[in-house]
Amino acid sequence: MNIEELRHYCLSQKGVTESFPFDDKILVFKVLEKVFCLTGIENEICSANLKCDPTYAIELREEYGDLIRPGFHMNKKHWNTVIVEELDDAFAKKLIDHSYDMVVKGMTKKMRSVLENLSS
């Protein structure tokens, strides 16, 4: 999965927006203003910081070594840096979905209701 495929997939999720809140090199994807994916647009190999269940994060790091690491510049318990370009596309999408779902799960009931009522 390259940067354009990552961008397209993230934007296909319900309620997702993209922005450059930090600088012009870090693209951030949010669901209802909550971050679930960050990626550098100038990286030679496409990677992304993705939110992850802490137990699952450890399992992924142990199984995938250099392809899934503790989140760079993020809370290492809840975020992984994933080299999405080196993973199978279906697996990369599964990790993006997991990140999205983790963020939605942490939203208030009111925010989840707003998300559910958005048109696709």
C-alpha atoms as a PDB file:
ATOM      1  CA  MET A   1       0.000   0.000   0.000  1.00  0.00           C
ATOM      2  CA  ASN A   2       1.534   3.301  -1.078  1.00  0.00           C
ATOM      3  CA  ILE A   3       0.710   6.787   0.214  1.00  0.00           C
ATOM      4  CA  GLU A   4      -2.093   7.374  -2.322  1.00  0.00           C
ATOM      5  CA  GLU A   5      -3.701   4.019  -1.548  1.00  0.00           C
ATOM      6  CA  LEU A   6      -3.422   4.742   2.186  1.00  0.00           C
ATOM      7  CA  ARG A   7      -5.003   8.165   1.702  1.00  0.00           C
ATOM      8  CA  HIS A   8      -7.817   6.799  -0.448  1.00  0.00           C
ATOM      9  CA  TYR A   9      -8.579   4.009   2.014  1.00  0.00           C
ATOM     10  CA  CYS A  10      -8.584   6.279   5.069  1.00  0.00           C
ATOM     11  CA  LEU A  11     -10.875   8.796   3.344  1.00  0.00           C
ATOM     12  CA  SER A  12     -13.297   6.000   2.414  1.00  0.00           C
ATOM     13  CA  GLN A  13     -14.120   5.549   6.112  1.00  0.00           C
ATOM     14  CA  LYS A  14     -17.207   7.268   7.489  1.00  0.00           C
ATOM     15  CA  GLY A  15     -16.679  10.744   8.982  1.00  0.00           C
ATOM     16  CA  VAL A  16     -12.988  10.984   8.028  1.00  0.00           C
ATOM     17  CA  THR A  17     -11.196  14.205   7.173  1.00  0.00           C
ATOM     18  CA  GLU A  18      -7.567  14.903   6.346  1.00  0.00           C
ATOM     19  CA  SER A  19      -5.386  17.850   7.311  1.00  0.00           C
ATOM     20  CA  PHE A  20      -1.861  19.061   7.962  1.00  0.00           C
ATOM     21  CA  PRO A  21      -2.211  20.387  11.540  1.00  0.00           C
ATOM     22  CA  PHE A  22       1.497  20.206  12.428  1.00  0.00           C
ATOM     23  CA  ASP A  23       3.368  21.091   9.233  1.00  0.00           C
ATOM     24  CA  ASP A  24       3.185  20.462   5.496  1.00  0.00           C
ATOM     25  CA  LYS A  25       4.841  17.029   5.764  1.00  0.00           C
ATOM     26  CA  ILE A  26       2.627  15.112   8.222  1.00  0.00           C
ATOM     27  CA  LEU A  27      -0.792  14.143   6.860  1.00  0.00           C
ATOM     28  CA  VAL A  28      -3.324  13.429   9.604  1.00  0.00           C
ATOM     29  CA  PHE A  29      -6.588  11.538   9.248  1.00  0.00           C
ATOM     30  CA  LYS A  30      -9.326  12.120  11.802  1.00  0.00           C
ATOM     31  CA  VAL A  31     -12.738  10.660  12.440  1.00  0.00           C
ATOM     32  CA  LEU A  32     -14.897  13.452  13.878  1.00  0.00           C
ATOM     33  CA  GLU A  33     -11.759  15.403  14.857  1.00  0.00           C
ATOM     34  CA  LYS A  34     -10.146  12.402  16.602  1.00  0.00           C
ATOM     35  CA  VAL A  35      -6.832  11.242  15.109  1.00  0.00           C
ATOM     36  CA  PHE A  36      -6.577   7.622  13.983  1.00  0.00           C
ATOM     37  CA  CYS A  37      -3.785   7.757  11.375  1.00  0.00           C
ATOM     38  CA  LEU A  38      -0.733   9.919  10.717  1.00  0.00           C
ATOM     39  CA  THR A  39       1.698   9.549   7.832  1.00  0.00           C
ATOM     40  CA  GLY A  40       4.684  11.414   6.482  1.00  0.00           C
ATOM     41  CA  ILE A  41       4.164  12.384   2.862  1.00  0.00           C
ATOM     42  CA  GLU A  42       7.884  12.643   2.103  1.00  0.00           C
ATOM     43  CA  ASN A  43       8.928   9.198   3.391  1.00  0.00           C
ATOM     44  CA  GLU A  44      10.608   6.924   0.855  1.00  0.00           C
ATOM     45  CA  ILE A  45       8.588   3.964   2.153  1.00  0.00           C
ATOM     46  CA  CYS A  46       4.978   4.493   3.221  1.00  0.00           C
ATOM     47  CA  SER A  47       4.484   4.139   6.957  1.00  0.00           C
ATOM     48  CA  ALA A  48       1.731   5.264   9.281  1.00  0.00           C
ATOM     49  CA  ASN A  49       1.149   5.717  12.982  1.00  0.00           C
ATOM     50  CA  LEU A  50      -1.979   3.777  13.900  1.00  0.00           C
ATOM     51  CA  LYS A  51      -3.813   3.472  17.192  1.00  0.00           C
ATOM     52  CA  CYS A  52      -3.909  -0.057  18.617  1.00  0.00           C
ATOM     53  CA  ASP A  53      -5.198  -2.018  21.575  1.00  0.00           C
ATOM     54  CA  PRO A  54      -2.177  -2.258  23.946  1.00  0.00           C
ATOM     55  CA  THR A  55      -2.162  -6.071  24.135  1.00  0.00           C
ATOM     56  CA  TYR A  56      -2.583  -6.448  20.382  1.00  0.00           C
ATOM     57  CA  ALA A  57       0.148  -3.834  19.829  1.00  0.00           C
ATOM     58  CA  ILE A  58       2.659  -5.958  21.710  1.00  0.00           C
ATOM     59  CA  GLU A  59       1.630  -9.094  19.803  1.00  0.00           C
ATOM     60  CA  LEU A  60       2.025  -7.306  16.469  1.00  0.00           C
ATOM     61  CA  ARG A  61       5.458  -5.921  17.393  1.00  0.00           C
ATOM     62  CA  GLU A  62       6.659  -9.363  18.436  1.00  0.00           C
ATOM     63  CA  GLU A  63       5.348 -11.048  15.295  1.00  0.00           C
ATOM     64  CA  TYR A  64       6.270  -8.421  12.690  1.00  0.00           C
ATOM     65  CA  GLY A  65       9.524  -7.018  14.135  1.00  0.00           C
ATOM     66  CA  ASP A  66      10.795  -4.129  12.023  1.00  0.00           C
ATOM     67  CA  LEU A  67       7.509  -3.698  10.127  1.00  0.00           C
ATOM     68  CA  ILE A  68       5.484  -2.807  13.234  1.00  0.00           C
ATOM     69  CA  ARG A  69       7.211  -0.806  15.960  1.00  0.00           C
ATOM     70  CA  PRO A  70       6.177   1.342  18.927  1.00  0.00           C
ATOM     71  CA  GLY A  71       4.648   4.588  17.640  1.00  0.00           C
ATOM     72  CA  PHE A  72       7.253   7.181  16.652  1.00  0.00           C
ATOM     73  CA  HIS A  73       6.628  10.387  18.648  1.00  0.00           C
ATOM     74  CA  MET A  74       3.423   8.838  20.037  1.00  0.00           C
ATOM     75  CA  ASN A  75       2.275   7.085  23.221  1.00  0.00           C
ATOM     76  CA  LYS A  76       4.067   3.762  22.743  1.00  0.00           C
ATOM     77  CA  LYS A  77       1.393   1.863  24.659  1.00  0.00           C
ATOM     78  CA  HIS A  78      -1.440   2.855  22.307  1.00  0.00           C
ATOM     79  CA  TRP A  79       0.245   3.591  18.967  1.00  0.00           C
ATOM     80  CA  ASN A  80       2.286   1.607  16.459  1.00  0.00           C
ATOM     81  CA  THR A  81       4.347   2.800  13.525  1.00  0.00           C
ATOM     82  CA  VAL A  82       3.451   0.436  10.708  1.00  0.00           C
ATOM     83  CA  ILE A  83       5.406   0.096   7.459  1.00  0.00           C
ATOM     84  CA  VAL A  84       2.223  -0.325   5.411  1.00  0.00           C
ATOM     85  CA  GLU A  85       4.084  -0.493   2.100  1.00  0.00           C
ATOM     86  CA  GLU A  86       5.795  -3.714   3.177  1.00  0.00           C
ATOM     87  CA  LEU A  87       2.628  -5.444   4.442  1.00  0.00           C
ATOM     88  CA  ASP A  88      -0.058  -7.269   2.506  1.00  0.00           C
ATOM     89  CA  ASP A  89      -2.710  -4.682   1.545  1.00  0.00           C
ATOM     90  CA  ALA A  90      -5.517  -6.632   3.235  1.00  0.00           C
ATOM     91  CA  PHE A  91      -3.550  -6.789   6.486  1.00  0.00           C
ATOM     92  CA  ALA A  92      -2.645  -3.083   6.272  1.00  0.00           C
ATOM     93  CA  LYS A  93      -6.342  -2.266   5.808  1.00  0.00           C
ATOM     94  CA  LYS A  94      -7.196  -4.450   8.804  1.00  0.00           C
ATOM     95  CA  LEU A  95      -4.766  -2.425  10.953  1.00  0.00           C
ATOM     96  CA  ILE A  96      -6.193   0.871   9.671  1.00  0.00           C
ATOM     97  CA  ASP A  97      -9.713  -0.387  10.439  1.00  0.00           C
ATOM     98  CA  HIS A  98      -8.589  -1.419  13.924  1.00  0.00           C
ATOM     99  CA  SER A  99      -7.193   2.068  14.546  1.00  0.00           C
ATOM    100  CA  TYR A 100     -10.394   3.697  13.279  1.00  0.00           C
ATOM    101  CA  ASP A 101     -12.525   1.368  15.422  1.00  0.00           C
ATOM    102  CA  MET A 102     -10.399   2.042  18.530  1.00  0.00           C
ATOM    103  CA  VAL A 103     -10.924   5.777  18.125  1.00  0.00           C
ATOM    104  CA  VAL A 104     -14.670   5.411  17.517  1.00  0.00           C
ATOM    105  CA  LYS A 105     -14.952   3.103  20.543  1.00  0.00           C
ATOM    106  CA  GLY A 106     -13.398   5.816  22.710  1.00  0.00           C
ATOM    107  CA  MET A 107     -15.889   8.471  21.586  1.00  0.00           C
ATOM    108  CA  THR A 108     -18.808   9.609  23.665  1.00  0.00           C
ATOM    109  CA  LYS A 109     -22.207   8.125  22.926  1.00  0.00           C
ATOM    110  CA  LYS A 110     -23.236  11.475  21.444  1.00  0.00           C
ATOM    111  CA  MET A 111     -20.256  11.533  19.066  1.00  0.00           C
ATOM    112  CA  ARG A 112     -20.906   7.934  17.960  1.00  0.00           C
ATOM    113  CA  SER A 113     -24.521   8.897  17.288  1.00  0.00           C
ATOM    114  CA  VAL A 114     -23.371  11.814  15.115  1.00  0.00           C
ATOM    115  CA  LEU A 115     -21.073   9.456  13.209  1.00  0.00           C
ATOM    116  CA  GLU A 116     -23.816   6.873  12.696  1.00  0.00           C
ATOM    117  CA  ASN A 117     -26.117   9.546  11.272  1.00  0.00           C
ATOM    118  CA  LEU A 118     -23.616  10.804   8.694  1.00  0.00           C
ATOM    119  CA  SER A 119     -24.374   9.849   5.121  1.00  0.00           C
ATOM    120  CA  SER A 120     -21.787   7.574   3.518  1.00  0.00           C
END
